[in-house]
C-alpha atoms as a PDB file:
ATOM      1  CA  MET A   1      45.157  31.799 175.106  1.00  0.00           C
ATOM      2  CA  SER A   2      43.556  33.639 172.200  1.00  0.00           C
ATOM      3  CA  ALA A   3      40.356  32.390 170.573  1.00  0.00           C
ATOM      4  CA  ASP A   4      37.844  33.658 168.055  1.00  0.00           C
ATOM      5  CA  CYS A   5      34.667  34.851 169.658  1.00  0.00           C
ATOM      6  CA  LEU A   6      31.569  36.941 168.967  1.00  0.00           C
ATOM      7  CA  LYS A   7      30.288  40.064 170.664  1.00  0.00           C
ATOM      8  CA  LEU A   8      26.493  40.254 170.741  1.00  0.00           C
ATOM      9  CA  THR A   9      25.150  43.787 171.303  1.00  0.00           C
ATOM     10  CA  THR A  10      21.501  44.779 171.735  1.00  0.00           C
ATOM     11  CA  TYR A  11      20.294  48.399 171.713  1.00  0.00           C
ATOM     12  CA  PHE A  12      16.833  49.070 173.162  1.00  0.00           C
ATOM     13  CA  GLY A  13      14.820  51.243 175.541  1.00  0.00           C
ATOM     14  CA  GLU A  14      14.794  51.073 179.333  1.00  0.00           C
ATOM     15  CA  ARG A  15      11.056  50.327 179.442  1.00  0.00           C
ATOM     16  CA  ASP A  16      10.973  47.821 176.573  1.00  0.00           C
ATOM     17  CA  ARG A  17       9.366  44.577 177.643  1.00  0.00           C
ATOM     18  CA  ALA A  18       9.545  40.885 176.817  1.00  0.00           C
ATOM     19  CA  GLY A  19       6.068  39.679 177.705  1.00  0.00           C
ATOM     20  CA  THR A  20       5.412  40.680 181.309  1.00  0.00           C
ATOM     21  CA  ARG A  21       9.073  41.369 182.124  1.00  0.00           C
ATOM     22  CA  PHE A  22      11.473  44.153 181.323  1.00  0.00           C
ATOM     23  CA  LEU A  23      13.631  43.204 178.346  1.00  0.00           C
ATOM     24  CA  ALA A  24      16.842  44.051 180.221  1.00  0.00           C
ATOM     25  CA  ASP A  25      16.100  41.467 182.938  1.00  0.00           C
ATOM     26  CA  ALA A  26      15.056  38.838 180.398  1.00  0.00           C
ATOM     27  CA  LEU A  27      18.238  39.266 178.343  1.00  0.00           C
ATOM     28  CA  LEU A  28      20.524  39.021 181.354  1.00  0.00           C
ATOM     29  CA  ASP A  29      18.711  35.859 182.431  1.00  0.00           C
ATOM     30  CA  VAL A  30      19.483  34.368 179.014  1.00  0.00           C
ATOM     31  CA  TYR A  31      23.159  35.300 179.364  1.00  0.00           C
ATOM     32  CA  GLY A  32      23.237  33.774 182.847  1.00  0.00           C
ATOM     33  CA  ARG A  33      21.439  30.602 181.815  1.00  0.00           C
ATOM     34  CA  HIS A  34      23.927  30.075 178.978  1.00  0.00           C
ATOM     35  CA  ALA A  35      26.804  30.919 181.350  1.00  0.00           C
ATOM     36  CA  LEU A  36      28.305  33.326 178.822  1.00  0.00           C
ATOM     37  CA  ARG A  37      31.912  34.256 179.498  1.00  0.00           C
ATOM     38  CA  VAL A  38      31.166  37.931 180.115  1.00  0.00           C
ATOM     39  CA  SER A  39      28.127  40.175 179.692  1.00  0.00           C
ATOM     40  CA  ALA A  40      27.110  43.582 180.949  1.00  0.00           C
ATOM     41  CA  LEU A  41      24.165  45.955 180.871  1.00  0.00           C
ATOM     42  CA  PHE A  42      24.733  49.701 180.424  1.00  0.00           C
ATOM     43  CA  ARG A  43      22.285  52.605 180.770  1.00  0.00           C
ATOM     44  CA  GLY A  44      22.849  55.456 178.333  1.00  0.00           C
ATOM     45  CA  THR A  45      22.486  59.090 179.336  1.00  0.00           C
ATOM     46  CA  GLU A  46      20.546  59.959 176.185  1.00  0.00           C
ATOM     47  CA  GLY A  47      19.784  58.772 172.694  1.00  0.00           C
ATOM     48  CA  PHE A  48      17.290  58.409 169.863  1.00  0.00           C
ATOM     49  CA  GLY A  49      16.195  55.788 167.366  1.00  0.00           C
ATOM     50  CA  ALA A  50      14.767  55.707 163.847  1.00  0.00           C
ATOM     51  CA  ARG A  51      11.761  57.856 164.821  1.00  0.00           C
ATOM     52  CA  HIS A  52      14.090  60.447 166.395  1.00  0.00           C
ATOM     53  CA  HIS A  53      12.244  60.366 169.728  1.00  0.00           C
ATOM     54  CA  PHE A  54      14.821  61.878 172.067  1.00  0.00           C
ATOM     55  CA  HIS A  55      15.349  60.421 175.551  1.00  0.00           C
ATOM     56  CA  THR A  56      17.703  61.988 178.064  1.00  0.00           C
ATOM     57  CA  GLN A  57      18.349  62.050 181.788  1.00  0.00           C
ATOM     58  CA  ARG A  58      18.669  65.837 181.535  1.00  0.00           C
ATOM     59  CA  LEU A  59      14.893  66.188 181.127  1.00  0.00           C
ATOM     60  CA  LEU A  60      12.849  64.800 184.008  1.00  0.00           C
ATOM     61  CA  THR A  61       9.768  64.084 181.893  1.00  0.00           C
ATOM     62  CA  LEU A  62      11.759  61.791 179.583  1.00  0.00           C
ATOM     63  CA  SER A  63      14.108  60.226 182.113  1.00  0.00           C
ATOM     64  CA  GLU A  64      12.158  56.949 182.443  1.00  0.00           C
ATOM     65  CA  GLU A  65      12.952  55.801 178.899  1.00  0.00           C
ATOM     66  CA  LEU A  66      16.727  55.992 178.684  1.00  0.00           C
ATOM     67  CA  PRO A  67      18.590  53.894 176.108  1.00  0.00           C
ATOM     68  CA  ILE A  68      20.037  50.560 177.208  1.00  0.00           C
ATOM     69  CA  VAL A  69      22.942  48.644 175.690  1.00  0.00           C
ATOM     70  CA  ALA A  70      23.430  44.955 176.518  1.00  0.00           C
ATOM     71  CA  VAL A  71      26.747  43.311 175.549  1.00  0.00           C
ATOM     72  CA  ALA A  72      27.637  39.609 175.711  1.00  0.00           C
ATOM     73  CA  VAL A  73      30.934  37.984 174.648  1.00  0.00           C
ATOM     74  CA  ASP A  74      31.917  34.337 174.325  1.00  0.00           C
ATOM     75  CA  LEU A  75      33.136  31.747 171.839  1.00  0.00           C
ATOM     76  CA  ARG A  76      31.232  31.746 168.552  1.00  0.00           C
ATOM     77  CA  GLU A  77      29.302  28.526 169.165  1.00  0.00           C
ATOM     78  CA  ARG A  78      28.134  29.645 172.614  1.00  0.00           C
ATOM     79  CA  ILE A  79      26.887  33.024 171.363  1.00  0.00           C
ATOM     80  CA  GLU A  80      25.157  31.348 168.423  1.00  0.00           C
ATOM     81  CA  ARG A  81      23.299  29.029 170.829  1.00  0.00           C
ATOM     82  CA  ALA A  82      21.994  32.019 172.802  1.00  0.00           C
ATOM     83  CA  LEU A  83      21.184  34.200 169.777  1.00  0.00           C
ATOM     84  CA  PRO A  84      17.751  32.697 168.883  1.00  0.00           C
ATOM     85  CA  GLU A  85      16.478  33.413 172.403  1.00  0.00           C
ATOM     86  CA  VAL A  86      17.765  36.978 172.238  1.00  0.00           C
ATOM     87  CA  GLU A  87      16.032  37.521 168.897  1.00  0.00           C
ATOM     88  CA  ARG A  88      12.731  36.145 170.203  1.00  0.00           C
ATOM     89  CA  LEU A  89      12.832  38.363 173.277  1.00  0.00           C
ATOM     90  CA  SER A  90      13.723  41.662 171.595  1.00  0.00           C
ATOM     91  CA  ASP A  91      11.219  42.330 168.822  1.00  0.00           C
ATOM     92  CA  SER A  92      12.368  45.924 168.357  1.00  0.00           C
ATOM     93  CA  GLY A  93      15.622  47.847 168.542  1.00  0.00           C
ATOM     94  CA  LEU A  94      18.913  46.795 167.001  1.00  0.00           C
ATOM     95  CA  VAL A  95      20.956  43.599 167.407  1.00  0.00           C
ATOM     96  CA  THR A  96      24.514  43.331 166.051  1.00  0.00           C
ATOM     97  CA  LEU A  97      27.222  40.668 165.982  1.00  0.00           C
ATOM     98  CA  GLU A  98      30.918  41.511 165.836  1.00  0.00           C
ATOM     99  CA  ARG A  99      33.966  39.277 165.504  1.00  0.00           C
ATOM    100  CA  ALA A 100      36.598  39.567 168.212  1.00  0.00           C
ATOM    101  CA  ARG A 101      39.512  37.677 169.740  1.00  0.00           C
ATOM    102  CA  LEU A 102      39.183  36.565 173.330  1.00  0.00           C
ATOM    103  CA  VAL A 103      42.520  37.233 175.058  1.00  0.00           C
ATOM    104  CA  GLU A 104      43.314  35.615 178.405  1.00  0.00           C
ATOM    105  CA  ALA A 105      47.133  35.554 178.083  1.00  0.00           C
ATOM    106  CA  PRO A 106      49.664  38.026 176.653  1.00  0.00           C
ATOM    107  CA  PRO A 107      49.095  38.279 172.872  1.00  0.00           C
ATOM    108  CA  ARG A 108      52.079  37.544 170.649  1.00  0.00           C
ATOM    109  CA  ALA A 109      51.522  40.603 168.451  1.00  0.00           C
ATOM    110  CA  VAL A 110      48.834  43.010 167.265  1.00  0.00           C
ATOM    111  CA  ASP A 111      49.498  43.965 163.649  1.00  0.00           C
ATOM    112  CA  GLU A 112      46.931  46.752 163.130  1.00  0.00           C
ATOM    113  CA  THR A 113      44.922  49.449 164.842  1.00  0.00           C
ATOM    114  CA  SER A 114      42.665  47.664 167.326  1.00  0.00           C
ATOM    115  CA  LYS A 115      40.090  48.089 170.029  1.00  0.00           C
ATOM    116  CA  LEU A 116      41.023  46.410 173.319  1.00  0.00           C
ATOM    117  CA  THR A 117      38.135  45.901 175.738  1.00  0.00           C
ATOM    118  CA  VAL A 118      38.930  44.907 179.324  1.00  0.00           C
ATOM    119  CA  TYR A 119      36.280  43.718 181.783  1.00  0.00           C
ATOM    120  CA  VAL A 120      36.946  44.098 185.526  1.00  0.00           C
ATOM    121  CA  GLY A 121      34.797  44.015 188.658  1.00  0.00           C
ATOM    122  CA  ARG A 122      33.390  47.255 190.013  1.00  0.00           C
ATOM    123  CA  LYS A 123      35.328  46.936 193.284  1.00  0.00           C
ATOM    124  CA  GLU A 124      38.276  44.939 191.949  1.00  0.00           C
ATOM    125  CA  ARG A 125      41.688  46.276 193.024  1.00  0.00           C
ATOM    126  CA  LEU A 126      45.023  46.283 191.222  1.00  0.00           C
ATOM    127  CA  ASP A 127      48.222  47.659 192.759  1.00  0.00           C
ATOM    128  CA  GLY A 128      46.190  49.138 195.621  1.00  0.00           C
ATOM    129  CA  ARG A 129      43.934  51.131 193.296  1.00  0.00           C
ATOM    130  CA  PRO A 130      40.565  50.510 191.629  1.00  0.00           C
ATOM    131  CA  ALA A 131      41.328  48.099 188.813  1.00  0.00           C
ATOM    132  CA  TYR A 132      39.721  50.326 186.189  1.00  0.00           C
ATOM    133  CA  VAL A 133      42.038  53.216 187.142  1.00  0.00           C
ATOM    134  CA  ALA A 134      45.095  50.955 186.889  1.00  0.00           C
ATOM    135  CA  VAL A 135      43.912  49.600 183.511  1.00  0.00           C
ATOM    136  CA  VAL A 136      43.435  53.097 182.066  1.00  0.00           C
ATOM    137  CA  ASP A 137      46.809  54.214 183.422  1.00  0.00           C
ATOM    138  CA  ALA A 138      48.487  51.249 181.699  1.00  0.00           C
ATOM    139  CA  LEU A 139      46.770  52.073 178.416  1.00  0.00           C
ATOM    140  CA  HIS A 140      47.742  55.742 178.703  1.00  0.00           C
ATOM    141  CA  ARG A 141      51.334  54.886 179.621  1.00  0.00           C
ATOM    142  CA  HIS A 142      51.742  52.563 176.636  1.00  0.00           C
ATOM    143  CA  GLY A 143      50.342  55.159 174.213  1.00  0.00           C
ATOM    144  CA  ALA A 144      46.808  53.955 173.378  1.00  0.00           C
ATOM    145  CA  SER A 145      44.827  56.683 171.598  1.00  0.00           C
ATOM    146  CA  GLY A 146      41.994  56.693 174.131  1.00  0.00           C
ATOM    147  CA  ALA A 147      40.098  54.734 176.763  1.00  0.00           C
ATOM    148  CA  SER A 148      36.649  54.979 178.397  1.00  0.00           C
ATOM    149  CA  VAL A 149      35.345  53.167 181.491  1.00  0.00           C
ATOM    150  CA  LEU A 150      31.630  52.262 181.404  1.00  0.00           C
ATOM    151  CA  LEU A 151      29.781  51.267 184.569  1.00  0.00           C
ATOM    152  CA  GLY A 152      27.843  47.993 184.279  1.00  0.00           C
ATOM    153  CA  LEU A 153      24.488  47.560 186.029  1.00  0.00           C
ATOM    154  CA  ASP A 154      24.188  43.782 185.738  1.00  0.00           C
ATOM    155  CA  GLY A 155      26.011  40.989 183.963  1.00  0.00           C
ATOM    156  CA  THR A 156      27.979  37.765 184.013  1.00  0.00           C
ATOM    157  CA  ALA A 157      31.684  37.236 184.675  1.00  0.00           C
ATOM    158  CA  HIS A 158      33.436  33.949 183.861  1.00  0.00           C
ATOM    159  CA  GLY A 159      29.980  32.464 183.231  1.00  0.00           C
ATOM    160  CA  VAL A 160      28.517  33.399 186.639  1.00  0.00           C
ATOM    161  CA  ARG A 161      25.587  35.834 186.918  1.00  0.00           C
ATOM    162  CA  ARG A 162      26.482  38.968 188.888  1.00  0.00           C
ATOM    163  CA  ARG A 163      23.105  40.500 189.637  1.00  0.00           C
ATOM    164  CA  ALA A 164      23.126  44.050 191.027  1.00  0.00           C
ATOM    165  CA  ARG A 165      21.559  44.742 194.420  1.00  0.00           C
ATOM    166  CA  PHE A 166      20.161  48.151 195.333  1.00  0.00           C
ATOM    167  CA  PHE A 167      21.667  48.094 198.839  1.00  0.00           C
ATOM    168  CA  GLY A 168      25.098  46.635 198.259  1.00  0.00           C
ATOM    169  CA  ALA A 169      28.569  47.347 196.960  1.00  0.00           C
ATOM    170  CA  ASN A 170      28.054  44.990 193.977  1.00  0.00           C
ATOM    171  CA  PRO A 171      31.803  44.307 193.770  1.00  0.00           C
ATOM    172  CA  ASP A 172      31.586  41.803 190.919  1.00  0.00           C
ATOM    173  CA  ILE A 173      29.347  43.733 188.505  1.00  0.00           C
ATOM    174  CA  PRO A 174      31.494  44.151 185.369  1.00  0.00           C
ATOM    175  CA  LEU A 175      32.996  47.452 184.303  1.00  0.00           C
ATOM    176  CA  MET A 176      33.959  47.711 180.638  1.00  0.00           C
ATOM    177  CA  VAL A 177      37.129  49.586 179.673  1.00  0.00           C
ATOM    178  CA  ILE A 178      37.100  50.338 175.922  1.00  0.00           C
ATOM    179  CA  SER A 179      40.404  51.461 174.430  1.00  0.00           C
ATOM    180  CA  VAL A 180      41.663  52.171 170.917  1.00  0.00           C
ATOM    181  CA  GLY A 181      45.193  52.418 169.581  1.00  0.00           C
ATOM    182  CA  ASP A 182      47.896  51.301 167.176  1.00  0.00           C
ATOM    183  CA  GLY A 183      48.932  47.661 167.297  1.00  0.00           C
ATOM    184  CA  GLY A 184      52.158  48.163 169.257  1.00  0.00           C
ATOM    185  CA  PRO A 185      50.741  50.157 172.197  1.00  0.00           C
ATOM    186  CA  ILE A 186      47.658  47.930 172.398  1.00  0.00           C
ATOM    187  CA  ALA A 187      49.768  44.744 172.382  1.00  0.00           C
ATOM    188  CA  ARG A 188      52.070  46.066 175.114  1.00  0.00           C
ATOM    189  CA  ALA A 189      49.158  47.176 177.291  1.00  0.00           C
ATOM    190  CA  ALA A 190      47.336  43.855 176.771  1.00  0.00           C
ATOM    191  CA  ALA A 191      50.480  41.902 177.707  1.00  0.00           C
ATOM    192  CA  GLU A 192      50.931  43.902 180.919  1.00  0.00           C
ATOM    193  CA  LEU A 193      47.270  43.569 181.903  1.00  0.00           C
ATOM    194  CA  ALA A 194      47.133  39.839 181.110  1.00  0.00           C
ATOM    195  CA  GLY A 195      49.923  39.325 183.611  1.00  0.00           C
ATOM    196  CA  ALA A 196      48.611  41.737 186.245  1.00  0.00           C
ATOM    197  CA  LEU A 197      44.904  40.867 186.395  1.00  0.00           C
ATOM    198  CA  THR A 198      43.969  37.795 188.430  1.00  0.00           C
ATOM    199  CA  ARG A 199      41.467  36.434 185.894  1.00  0.00           C
ATOM    200  CA  PRO A 200      41.747  38.614 182.796  1.00  0.00           C
ATOM    201  CA  LEU A 201      38.760  39.036 180.493  1.00  0.00           C
ATOM    202  CA  MET A 202      39.823  40.953 177.383  1.00  0.00           C
ATOM    203  CA  THR A 203      38.860  41.090 173.712  1.00  0.00           C
ATOM    204  CA  LEU A 204      40.586  42.509 170.633  1.00  0.00           C
ATOM    205  CA  GLU A 205      38.712  43.843 167.591  1.00  0.00           C
ATOM    206  CA  ARG A 206      39.765  45.542 164.373  1.00  0.00           C
ATOM    207  CA  VAL A 207      38.948  49.237 164.209  1.00  0.00           C
ATOM    208  CA  ARG A 208      39.868  52.260 162.100  1.00  0.00           C
ATOM    209  CA  VAL A 209      40.793  55.554 163.767  1.00  0.00           C
ATOM    210  CA  CYS A 210      39.331  58.274 161.556  1.00  0.00           C
ATOM    211  CA  LYS A 211      40.141  61.356 163.627  1.00  0.00           C
ATOM    212  CA  ARG A 212      42.126  62.234 166.722  1.00  0.00           C
ATOM    213  CA  ASP A 213      42.325  65.636 168.430  1.00  0.00           C
ATOM    214  CA  GLY A 214      41.121  67.511 165.360  1.00  0.00           C
ATOM    215  CA  VAL A 215      43.357  65.685 162.850  1.00  0.00           C
ATOM    216  CA  ARG A 216      41.687  63.643 160.097  1.00  0.00           C
ATOM    217  CA  LEU A 217      43.520  60.331 159.738  1.00  0.00           C
ATOM    218  CA  ALA A 218      41.225  58.196 157.554  1.00  0.00           C
ATOM    219  CA  GLU A 219      37.757  57.955 156.051  1.00  0.00           C
ATOM    220  CA  PRO A 220      35.148  55.594 157.551  1.00  0.00           C
ATOM    221  CA  HIS A 221      34.900  52.069 156.163  1.00  0.00           C
ATOM    222  CA  ARG A 222      32.975  51.631 152.937  1.00  0.00           C
ATOM    223  CA  ALA A 223      30.522  48.841 152.174  1.00  0.00           C
ATOM    224  CA  SER A 224      27.714  48.407 149.666  1.00  0.00           C
ATOM    225  CA  ALA A 225      24.121  48.548 150.859  1.00  0.00           C
ATOM    226  CA  ASP A 226      23.576  44.872 149.939  1.00  0.00           C
ATOM    227  CA  ALA A 227      26.656  43.560 151.779  1.00  0.00           C
ATOM    228  CA  GLY A 228      24.628  42.682 154.884  1.00  0.00           C
ATOM    229  CA  VAL A 229      26.612  44.933 157.195  1.00  0.00           C
ATOM    230  CA  TRP A 230      26.021  48.281 158.842  1.00  0.00           C
ATOM    231  CA  HIS A 231      28.529  50.867 159.966  1.00  0.00           C
ATOM    232  CA  LYS A 232      29.381  51.793 163.530  1.00  0.00           C
ATOM    233  CA  LEU A 233      30.990  55.076 164.471  1.00  0.00           C
ATOM    234  CA  MET A 234      32.196  55.635 168.025  1.00  0.00           C
ATOM    235  CA  VAL A 235      32.862  59.244 169.030  1.00  0.00           C
ATOM    236  CA  TYR A 236      34.869  59.848 172.211  1.00  0.00           C
ATOM    237  CA  THR A 237      34.383  63.400 173.560  1.00  0.00           C
ATOM    238  CA  ARG A 238      33.697  65.339 176.748  1.00  0.00           C
ATOM    239  CA  ALA A 239      30.189  66.188 177.888  1.00  0.00           C
ATOM    240  CA  PRO A 240      29.890  69.759 176.476  1.00  0.00           C
ATOM    241  CA  VAL A 241      31.022  68.666 172.987  1.00  0.00           C
ATOM    242  CA  HIS A 242      28.757  65.638 173.119  1.00  0.00           C
ATOM    243  CA  ALA A 243      25.643  67.792 173.682  1.00  0.00           C
ATOM    244  CA  ALA A 244      26.292  69.616 170.399  1.00  0.00           C
ATOM    245  CA  LEU A 245      27.013  66.322 168.637  1.00  0.00           C
ATOM    246  CA  MET A 246      23.731  64.734 169.712  1.00  0.00           C
ATOM    247  CA  ARG A 247      21.727  67.824 168.687  1.00  0.00           C
ATOM    248  CA  ARG A 248      23.279  67.887 165.228  1.00  0.00           C
ATOM    249  CA  LEU A 249      22.812  64.134 164.722  1.00  0.00           C
ATOM    250  CA  ARG A 250      19.089  64.446 165.487  1.00  0.00           C
ATOM    251  CA  GLU A 251      18.815  67.191 162.869  1.00  0.00           C
ATOM    252  CA  SER A 252      20.416  64.911 160.271  1.00  0.00           C
ATOM    253  CA  GLU A 253      19.066  61.677 158.750  1.00  0.00           C
ATOM    254  CA  THR A 254      21.010  59.510 161.196  1.00  0.00           C
ATOM    255  CA  ALA A 255      18.939  56.462 162.177  1.00  0.00           C
ATOM    256  CA  GLY A 256      19.976  56.532 165.814  1.00  0.00           C
ATOM    257  CA  ALA A 257      22.641  57.265 168.401  1.00  0.00           C
ATOM    258  CA  THR A 258      23.283  56.261 172.009  1.00  0.00           C
ATOM    259  CA  ALA A 259      25.406  58.221 174.493  1.00  0.00           C
ATOM    260  CA  LEU A 260      27.196  56.407 177.318  1.00  0.00           C
ATOM    261  CA  ARG A 261      28.803  58.518 180.044  1.00  0.00           C
ATOM    262  CA  ALA A 262      32.130  57.133 181.215  1.00  0.00           C
ATOM    263  CA  ILE A 263      33.229  57.336 184.840  1.00  0.00           C
ATOM    264  CA  TRP A 264      36.898  57.602 183.858  1.00  0.00           C
ATOM    265  CA  GLY A 265      39.011  57.832 180.715  1.00  0.00           C
ATOM    266  CA  TYR A 266      40.941  59.978 178.248  1.00  0.00           C
ATOM    267  CA  HIS A 267      41.545  60.532 174.556  1.00  0.00           C
ATOM    268  CA  GLY A 268      44.644  61.752 172.781  1.00  0.00           C
ATOM    269  CA  ASP A 269      47.392  63.188 174.949  1.00  0.00           C
ATOM    270  CA  HIS A 270      45.065  64.284 177.755  1.00  0.00           C
ATOM    271  CA  ALA A 271      45.562  62.797 181.218  1.00  0.00           C
ATOM    272  CA  PRO A 272      42.903  60.351 182.464  1.00  0.00           C
ATOM    273  CA  HIS A 273      39.991  62.196 184.063  1.00  0.00           C
ATOM    274  CA  GLY A 274      36.310  61.789 184.879  1.00  0.00           C
ATOM    275  CA  GLU A 275      34.156  61.201 187.911  1.00  0.00           C
ATOM    276  CA  THR A 276      33.943  58.930 190.915  1.00  0.00           C
ATOM    277  CA  LEU A 277      31.263  56.259 191.067  1.00  0.00           C
ATOM    278  CA  TRP A 278      28.972  58.511 193.107  1.00  0.00           C
ATOM    279  CA  SER A 279      29.491  61.972 191.660  1.00  0.00           C
ATOM    280  CA  LEU A 280      28.838  63.699 188.344  1.00  0.00           C
ATOM    281  CA  ARG A 281      31.098  66.122 186.525  1.00  0.00           C
ATOM    282  CA  ARG A 282      30.345  67.897 183.289  1.00  0.00           C
ATOM    283  CA  ASP A 283      33.808  67.194 181.921  1.00  0.00           C
ATOM    284  CA  ALA A 284      33.401  63.423 182.216  1.00  0.00           C
ATOM    285  CA  PRO A 285      34.194  61.444 179.036  1.00  0.00           C
ATOM    286  CA  VAL A 286      31.194  60.544 176.865  1.00  0.00           C
ATOM    287  CA  LEU A 287      31.123  57.768 174.277  1.00  0.00           C
ATOM    288  CA  THR A 288      28.525  58.211 171.509  1.00  0.00           C
ATOM    289  CA  VAL A 289      27.698  55.114 169.440  1.00  0.00           C
ATOM    290  CA  ILE A 290      26.158  55.562 165.977  1.00  0.00           C
ATOM    291  CA  VAL A 291      25.040  52.499 164.007  1.00  0.00           C
ATOM    292  CA  ASP A 292      23.581  53.161 160.570  1.00  0.00           C
ATOM    293  CA  ALA A 293      23.228  51.902 157.017  1.00  0.00           C
ATOM    294  CA  PRO A 294      26.055  52.387 154.468  1.00  0.00           C
ATOM    295  CA  ASP A 295      24.158  55.050 152.519  1.00  0.00           C
ATOM    296  CA  ARG A 296      23.674  57.231 155.614  1.00  0.00           C
ATOM    297  CA  ILE A 297      26.875  56.829 157.598  1.00  0.00           C
ATOM    298  CA  GLY A 298      28.688  59.468 155.555  1.00  0.00           C
ATOM    299  CA  ALA A 299      26.284  62.171 156.759  1.00  0.00           C
ATOM    300  CA  ALA A 300      26.723  61.062 160.378  1.00  0.00           C
ATOM    301  CA  PHE A 301      30.502  61.158 160.024  1.00  0.00           C
ATOM    302  CA  ALA A 302      30.337  64.649 158.510  1.00  0.00           C
ATOM    303  CA  VAL A 303      28.410  65.846 161.575  1.00  0.00           C
ATOM    304  CA  ALA A 304      30.855  64.205 163.995  1.00  0.00           C
ATOM    305  CA  ASP A 305      33.812  65.577 162.038  1.00  0.00           C
ATOM    306  CA  GLU A 306      32.483  69.137 162.213  1.00  0.00           C
ATOM    307  CA  VAL A 307      31.553  69.027 165.901  1.00  0.00           C
ATOM    308  CA  THR A 308      34.927  67.575 166.927  1.00  0.00           C
ATOM    309  CA  ALA A 309      36.895  70.256 165.092  1.00  0.00           C
ATOM    310  CA  GLY A 310      39.731  70.370 167.629  1.00  0.00           C
ATOM    311  CA  THR A 311      39.121  67.537 170.075  1.00  0.00           C
ATOM    312  CA  GLY A 312      37.875  63.994 170.460  1.00  0.00           C
ATOM    313  CA  LEU A 313      38.441  60.619 168.833  1.00  0.00           C
ATOM    314  CA  ILE A 314      36.335  59.018 166.068  1.00  0.00           C
ATOM    315  CA  THR A 315      36.558  55.347 165.066  1.00  0.00           C
ATOM    316  CA  SER A 316      34.852  53.288 162.368  1.00  0.00           C
ATOM    317  CA  GLU A 317      33.838  49.611 162.244  1.00  0.00           C
ATOM    318  CA  LEU A 318      31.702  47.343 160.060  1.00  0.00           C
ATOM    319  CA  VAL A 319      29.087  45.350 161.984  1.00  0.00           C
ATOM    320  CA  PRO A 320      26.651  42.691 160.736  1.00  0.00           C
ATOM    321  CA  ALA A 321      23.141  43.674 161.868  1.00  0.00           C
ATOM    322  CA  VAL A 322      21.094  40.658 162.933  1.00  0.00           C
ATOM    323  CA  ARG A 323      18.012  42.852 163.059  1.00  0.00           C
ATOM    324  CA  ARG A 324      17.637  46.528 162.298  1.00  0.00           C
ATOM    325  CA  ARG A 325      15.479  49.109 164.051  1.00  0.00           C
END
């Protein structure tokens, strides 16, 4: 089965509120009430918005206001029913909508460079291993350009709320495996995973790979300022390179960036690497998301291009912004 769907993404701060409640809790309640197919909440390691106020877990005094990214995916009509509530709750930050294909069976073909996102449970197993490790290995084996595993804190899976508990294994909290590659490798990996996973939750989106391991492959997408869309760059690096990237982006006119530390992943020809769920390593993969207006994205790409002189992966997408920062 393959169906058109929408991905609803909200970027905001950890302490942002909706009335008397934290915005993160209120959003996940909306996703649960609408029984959305899959949703997940992710805490960034650092980031900044339009005012360039920097928040990072590296500095204790700022660690209570880390960036948060909430993602929800379902058929278009179901996302559109939930969207007005999301807009009413989040009166600041950034909300975007992106078209995707929901894939629950082996796809017939993938004709262009794509982003395959796979959602699995935190404790789900596949072939005797953590499912996320098996998924990344399949992507690497089939030749995908890169993959990153992001740890969800809360969410829904197959329409059922999977609320995290402080004292518990939280086996069903979704992990999100984001991968990028040419159509052939992505199609082969998706076909294998659709047959191997018990209840596969996967989406396919169009994406442009602009740079891989120091080699420029393409320029970012172009769009006019009045086209109603913004640009999204995703930069896949390791932690030391990411620190330089975030510093340079703050010095530029970039409207905002959010860094998400992956627990496992790879880019290019490197072997999968990272950290366990309970340990930190400085060489863990980091995914930096930059969403900005058409007239500013070129400067952000120039910064990312310079910082990733010999490593990393940079992709470009066009995203309609429901509300800007």
